[in-house]
Amino acid sequence: MLAYSACHRARYLRQKPPVKRIATYTSDVFRRLADDIQGPAGELNYIHLASTIMLASLKIIAPESFEGQMKWETPLAAAKEMILERGGWSQLRDETGHFLKTWFA
């Protein structure tokens, strides 16, 4: 959330995103999400799903925000994989799930 906010603020102020600060904010996120995606397919965790969708959104609004050549499609594909491995779209029935489906779309 902090990385997303920093990018949004920089964009609003017509400045370059603070790449080093974003790298600090997101340093653990990638590892933890990778562990969750590769872990056992249990109940869908909205926190991990929202984080994955937010990374895709962050990459879209600030393509230069991450070092490396990650495309925005990568975290979006990971979110789709999480959903499908844990029972599909029908699991997203409550208000939070509906919001995440809409954001994903």
N, C-alpha and C. Protein backbone atom coordinates (compact mmCIF):
# COMPACT_ATOMS: atom_id res chain seq x y z
N MET A 1 0.83 -1.18 0.00
CA MET A 1 0.00 0.00 0.00
C MET A 1 0.88 1.26 0.00
N LEU A 2 1.98 1.22 0.75
CA LEU A 2 2.87 2.38 0.79
C LEU A 2 3.51 2.63 -0.57
N ALA A 3 3.91 1.56 -1.25
CA ALA A 3 4.52 1.71 -2.57
C ALA A 3 3.52 2.29 -3.56
N TYR A 4 2.30 1.79 -3.50
CA TYR A 4 1.24 2.28 -4.39
C TYR A 4 0.97 3.77 -4.11
N SER A 5 0.91 4.12 -2.85
CA SER A 5 0.69 5.52 -2.47
C SER A 5 1.83 6.42 -2.92
N ALA A 6 3.06 5.94 -2.78
CA ALA A 6 4.22 6.73 -3.21
C ALA A 6 4.19 6.97 -4.72
N CYS A 7 3.81 5.95 -5.48
CA CYS A 7 3.71 6.11 -6.94
C CYS A 7 2.59 7.07 -7.31
N HIS A 8 1.47 6.92 -6.64
CA HIS A 8 0.34 7.80 -6.93
C HIS A 8 0.69 9.25 -6.62
N ARG A 9 1.34 9.48 -5.50
CA ARG A 9 1.72 10.84 -5.11
C ARG A 9 2.72 11.43 -6.11
N ALA A 10 3.70 10.63 -6.50
CA ALA A 10 4.69 11.10 -7.48
C ALA A 10 4.02 11.44 -8.80
N ARG A 11 3.09 10.61 -9.21
CA ARG A 11 2.38 10.86 -10.46
C ARG A 11 1.54 12.13 -10.35
N TYR A 12 0.88 12.31 -9.22
CA TYR A 12 0.07 13.50 -8.99
C TYR A 12 0.93 14.77 -9.04
N LEU A 13 2.13 14.69 -8.48
CA LEU A 13 3.05 15.83 -8.44
C LEU A 13 3.90 15.95 -9.70
N ARG A 14 3.66 15.06 -10.66
CA ARG A 14 4.39 15.03 -11.94
C ARG A 14 5.89 14.85 -11.72
N GLN A 15 6.21 13.92 -10.82
CA GLN A 15 7.60 13.59 -10.53
C GLN A 15 7.82 12.11 -10.85
N LYS A 16 9.09 11.73 -10.86
CA LYS A 16 9.41 10.32 -11.07
C LYS A 16 9.10 9.56 -9.78
N PRO A 17 8.66 8.31 -9.91
CA PRO A 17 8.40 7.52 -8.69
C PRO A 17 9.68 7.30 -7.90
N PRO A 18 9.59 7.28 -6.58
CA PRO A 18 10.77 7.04 -5.74
C PRO A 18 11.15 5.55 -5.77
N VAL A 19 11.92 5.16 -6.76
CA VAL A 19 12.22 3.76 -7.03
C VAL A 19 12.88 3.07 -5.83
N LYS A 20 13.82 3.71 -5.18
CA LYS A 20 14.50 3.09 -4.03
C LYS A 20 13.53 2.87 -2.88
N ARG A 21 12.68 3.84 -2.62
CA ARG A 21 11.70 3.70 -1.55
C ARG A 21 10.71 2.58 -1.87
N ILE A 22 10.28 2.50 -3.11
CA ILE A 22 9.35 1.45 -3.52
C ILE A 22 10.01 0.09 -3.37
N ALA A 23 11.28 -0.01 -3.73
CA ALA A 23 12.01 -1.28 -3.58
C ALA A 23 12.06 -1.68 -2.10
N THR A 24 12.24 -0.73 -1.22
CA THR A 24 12.25 -1.02 0.21
C THR A 24 10.89 -1.52 0.67
N TYR A 25 9.84 -0.84 0.21
CA TYR A 25 8.48 -1.21 0.61
C TYR A 25 8.09 -2.60 0.11
N THR A 26 8.57 -2.97 -1.07
CA THR A 26 8.11 -4.21 -1.69
C THR A 26 9.11 -5.37 -1.55
N SER A 27 10.20 -5.18 -0.85
CA SER A 27 11.26 -6.20 -0.83
C SER A 27 10.77 -7.56 -0.32
N ASP A 28 9.96 -7.60 0.69
CA ASP A 28 9.47 -8.88 1.22
C ASP A 28 8.22 -9.39 0.51
N VAL A 29 7.53 -8.51 -0.16
CA VAL A 29 6.24 -8.87 -0.75
C VAL A 29 6.38 -9.97 -1.78
N PHE A 30 7.36 -9.85 -2.67
CA PHE A 30 7.51 -10.83 -3.74
C PHE A 30 7.79 -12.23 -3.18
N ARG A 31 8.68 -12.31 -2.21
CA ARG A 31 9.03 -13.61 -1.64
C ARG A 31 7.83 -14.24 -0.94
N ARG A 32 7.13 -13.45 -0.15
CA ARG A 32 5.97 -13.98 0.58
C ARG A 32 4.86 -14.41 -0.36
N LEU A 33 4.62 -13.64 -1.40
CA LEU A 33 3.58 -14.02 -2.36
C LEU A 33 3.98 -15.29 -3.11
N ALA A 34 5.24 -15.40 -3.47
CA ALA A 34 5.70 -16.61 -4.17
C ALA A 34 5.52 -17.82 -3.28
N ASP A 35 5.84 -17.70 -2.00
CA ASP A 35 5.65 -18.81 -1.06
C ASP A 35 4.19 -19.19 -0.96
N ASP A 36 3.31 -18.19 -0.92
CA ASP A 36 1.87 -18.47 -0.79
C ASP A 36 1.31 -19.12 -2.04
N ILE A 37 1.72 -18.65 -3.19
CA ILE A 37 1.21 -19.21 -4.45
C ILE A 37 1.68 -20.64 -4.62
N GLN A 38 2.91 -20.93 -4.22
CA GLN A 38 3.46 -22.27 -4.39
C GLN A 38 3.08 -23.20 -3.25
N GLY A 39 2.52 -22.65 -2.19
CA GLY A 39 2.14 -23.47 -1.05
C GLY A 39 0.91 -24.31 -1.35
N PRO A 40 0.43 -25.04 -0.35
CA PRO A 40 -0.75 -25.88 -0.57
C PRO A 40 -1.98 -25.03 -0.90
N ALA A 41 -2.79 -25.56 -1.78
CA ALA A 41 -3.99 -24.83 -2.21
C ALA A 41 -5.07 -24.96 -1.16
N GLY A 42 -5.06 -24.06 -0.23
CA GLY A 42 -6.07 -24.04 0.83
C GLY A 42 -7.10 -22.97 0.55
N GLU A 43 -7.62 -22.38 1.60
CA GLU A 43 -8.61 -21.31 1.46
C GLU A 43 -7.97 -20.09 0.83
N LEU A 44 -8.72 -19.41 -0.01
CA LEU A 44 -8.22 -18.23 -0.70
C LEU A 44 -8.01 -17.11 0.31
N ASN A 45 -6.81 -16.60 0.38
CA ASN A 45 -6.45 -15.54 1.31
C ASN A 45 -6.59 -14.20 0.60
N TYR A 46 -7.56 -13.41 1.02
CA TYR A 46 -7.82 -12.12 0.37
C TYR A 46 -6.63 -11.17 0.48
N ILE A 47 -5.88 -11.25 1.53
CA ILE A 47 -4.73 -10.36 1.69
C ILE A 47 -3.71 -10.61 0.59
N HIS A 48 -3.39 -11.88 0.35
CA HIS A 48 -2.42 -12.21 -0.69
C HIS A 48 -2.97 -11.89 -2.08
N LEU A 49 -4.24 -12.15 -2.28
CA LEU A 49 -4.86 -11.86 -3.57
C LEU A 49 -4.86 -10.36 -3.84
N ALA A 50 -5.26 -9.57 -2.85
CA ALA A 50 -5.26 -8.11 -3.00
C ALA A 50 -3.85 -7.58 -3.24
N SER A 51 -2.88 -8.13 -2.53
CA SER A 51 -1.49 -7.70 -2.72
C SER A 51 -1.02 -7.98 -4.13
N THR A 52 -1.38 -9.14 -4.66
CA THR A 52 -0.96 -9.52 -6.00
C THR A 52 -1.61 -8.60 -7.05
N ILE A 53 -2.89 -8.33 -6.89
CA ILE A 53 -3.58 -7.43 -7.82
C ILE A 53 -3.02 -6.02 -7.71
N MET A 54 -2.69 -5.60 -6.49
CA MET A 54 -2.13 -4.26 -6.29
C MET A 54 -0.76 -4.14 -6.96
N LEU A 55 0.05 -5.20 -6.93
CA LEU A 55 1.34 -5.15 -7.62
C LEU A 55 1.16 -4.95 -9.12
N ALA A 56 0.15 -5.61 -9.68
CA ALA A 56 -0.13 -5.41 -11.11
C ALA A 56 -0.55 -3.96 -11.36
N SER A 57 -1.41 -3.42 -10.51
CA SER A 57 -1.85 -2.04 -10.64
C SER A 57 -0.69 -1.07 -10.50
N LEU A 58 0.19 -1.35 -9.56
CA LEU A 58 1.37 -0.51 -9.34
C LEU A 58 2.26 -0.50 -10.57
N LYS A 59 2.46 -1.67 -11.16
CA LYS A 59 3.29 -1.77 -12.35
C LYS A 59 2.66 -1.03 -13.53
N ILE A 60 1.32 -0.99 -13.59
CA ILE A 60 0.63 -0.28 -14.66
C ILE A 60 0.79 1.24 -14.51
N ILE A 61 0.59 1.75 -13.28
CA ILE A 61 0.66 3.21 -13.11
C ILE A 61 2.08 3.74 -13.07
N ALA A 62 3.04 2.88 -12.72
CA ALA A 62 4.44 3.30 -12.66
C ALA A 62 5.32 2.17 -13.18
N PRO A 63 5.41 2.01 -14.49
CA PRO A 63 6.15 0.89 -15.07
C PRO A 63 7.61 0.81 -14.63
N GLU A 64 8.21 1.93 -14.31
CA GLU A 64 9.61 1.95 -13.91
C GLU A 64 9.79 1.75 -12.40
N SER A 65 8.72 1.42 -11.70
CA SER A 65 8.76 1.37 -10.24
C SER A 65 9.55 0.19 -9.68
N PHE A 66 9.71 -0.89 -10.45
CA PHE A 66 10.48 -2.04 -9.99
C PHE A 66 11.70 -2.21 -10.86
N GLU A 67 12.79 -2.61 -10.22
CA GLU A 67 13.95 -2.97 -11.01
C GLU A 67 13.64 -4.28 -11.71
N GLY A 68 14.28 -4.51 -12.82
CA GLY A 68 14.01 -5.73 -13.57
C GLY A 68 12.94 -5.49 -14.61
N GLN A 69 12.63 -6.52 -15.30
CA GLN A 69 11.72 -6.40 -16.43
C GLN A 69 10.37 -7.06 -16.19
N MET A 70 9.90 -7.09 -14.96
CA MET A 70 8.61 -7.70 -14.67
C MET A 70 7.51 -6.93 -15.40
N LYS A 71 6.64 -7.66 -16.07
CA LYS A 71 5.50 -7.05 -16.74
C LYS A 71 4.31 -7.08 -15.79
N TRP A 72 3.35 -6.19 -16.00
CA TRP A 72 2.17 -6.16 -15.13
C TRP A 72 1.36 -7.43 -15.24
N GLU A 73 1.49 -8.13 -16.36
CA GLU A 73 0.76 -9.37 -16.55
C GLU A 73 1.21 -10.48 -15.59
N THR A 74 2.45 -10.40 -15.12
CA THR A 74 2.99 -11.44 -14.24
C THR A 74 2.23 -11.54 -12.93
N PRO A 75 2.08 -10.45 -12.15
CA PRO A 75 1.30 -10.58 -10.92
C PRO A 75 -0.19 -10.85 -11.18
N LEU A 76 -0.70 -10.36 -12.30
CA LEU A 76 -2.10 -10.62 -12.61
C LEU A 76 -2.33 -12.10 -12.91
N ALA A 77 -1.38 -12.72 -13.61
CA ALA A 77 -1.46 -14.17 -13.87
C ALA A 77 -1.33 -14.95 -12.56
N ALA A 78 -0.50 -14.46 -11.65
CA ALA A 78 -0.37 -15.12 -10.34
C ALA A 78 -1.67 -15.04 -9.55
N ALA A 79 -2.35 -13.89 -9.62
CA ALA A 79 -3.64 -13.76 -8.95
C ALA A 79 -4.66 -14.73 -9.53
N LYS A 80 -4.68 -14.83 -10.84
CA LYS A 80 -5.60 -15.77 -11.49
C LYS A 80 -5.30 -17.20 -11.06
N GLU A 81 -4.02 -17.54 -11.00
CA GLU A 81 -3.62 -18.88 -10.56
C GLU A 81 -4.07 -19.16 -9.13
N MET A 82 -3.92 -18.17 -8.25
CA MET A 82 -4.36 -18.34 -6.87
C MET A 82 -5.86 -18.62 -6.81
N ILE A 83 -6.62 -17.87 -7.60
CA ILE A 83 -8.08 -18.02 -7.60
C ILE A 83 -8.48 -19.40 -8.13
N LEU A 84 -7.91 -19.78 -9.26
CA LEU A 84 -8.29 -21.04 -9.88
C LEU A 84 -7.88 -22.26 -9.05
N GLU A 85 -6.71 -22.19 -8.42
CA GLU A 85 -6.25 -23.32 -7.60
C GLU A 85 -7.03 -23.48 -6.30
N ARG A 86 -7.75 -22.46 -5.91
CA ARG A 86 -8.48 -22.49 -4.65
C ARG A 86 -9.99 -22.50 -4.84
N GLY A 87 -10.43 -23.02 -5.97
CA GLY A 87 -11.86 -23.20 -6.15
C GLY A 87 -12.52 -22.31 -7.18
N GLY A 88 -11.79 -21.42 -7.78
CA GLY A 88 -12.34 -20.59 -8.84
C GLY A 88 -13.06 -19.34 -8.35
N TRP A 89 -13.65 -18.66 -9.31
CA TRP A 89 -14.29 -17.37 -9.07
C TRP A 89 -15.49 -17.47 -8.13
N SER A 90 -16.11 -18.63 -8.07
CA SER A 90 -17.30 -18.78 -7.22
C SER A 90 -16.99 -18.62 -5.74
N GLN A 91 -15.71 -18.75 -5.37
CA GLN A 91 -15.32 -18.57 -3.96
C GLN A 91 -15.39 -17.11 -3.53
N LEU A 92 -15.38 -16.21 -4.47
CA LEU A 92 -15.36 -14.77 -4.16
C LEU A 92 -16.79 -14.26 -4.09
N ARG A 93 -17.54 -14.65 -3.05
CA ARG A 93 -18.96 -14.36 -2.96
C ARG A 93 -19.30 -13.14 -2.11
N ASP A 94 -18.50 -12.84 -1.12
CA ASP A 94 -18.85 -11.75 -0.21
C ASP A 94 -18.44 -10.39 -0.81
N GLU A 95 -18.61 -9.32 -0.04
CA GLU A 95 -18.32 -7.97 -0.54
C GLU A 95 -16.85 -7.81 -0.92
N THR A 96 -15.96 -8.34 -0.09
CA THR A 96 -14.53 -8.24 -0.38
C THR A 96 -14.20 -9.01 -1.65
N GLY A 97 -14.73 -10.20 -1.77
CA GLY A 97 -14.51 -11.00 -2.97
C GLY A 97 -15.03 -10.31 -4.21
N HIS A 98 -16.20 -9.70 -4.11
CA HIS A 98 -16.77 -8.97 -5.25
C HIS A 98 -15.86 -7.80 -5.65
N PHE A 99 -15.38 -7.06 -4.67
CA PHE A 99 -14.47 -5.97 -4.94
C PHE A 99 -13.20 -6.46 -5.65
N LEU A 100 -12.64 -7.57 -5.15
CA LEU A 100 -11.41 -8.10 -5.76
C LEU A 100 -11.66 -8.61 -7.18
N LYS A 101 -12.82 -9.22 -7.42
CA LYS A 101 -13.16 -9.65 -8.79
C LYS A 101 -13.24 -8.45 -9.72
N THR A 102 -13.87 -7.38 -9.25
CA THR A 102 -14.03 -6.18 -10.06
C THR A 102 -12.67 -5.54 -10.34
N TRP A 103 -11.84 -5.45 -9.31
CA TRP A 103 -10.51 -4.86 -9.47
C TRP A 103 -9.68 -5.71 -10.42
N PHE A 104 -9.75 -7.02 -10.29
CA PHE A 104 -9.01 -7.92 -11.15
C PHE A 104 -9.43 -7.72 -12.60
N ALA A 105 -10.74 -7.60 -12.82
CA ALA A 105 -11.25 -7.45 -14.19
C ALA A 105 -10.80 -6.13 -14.77
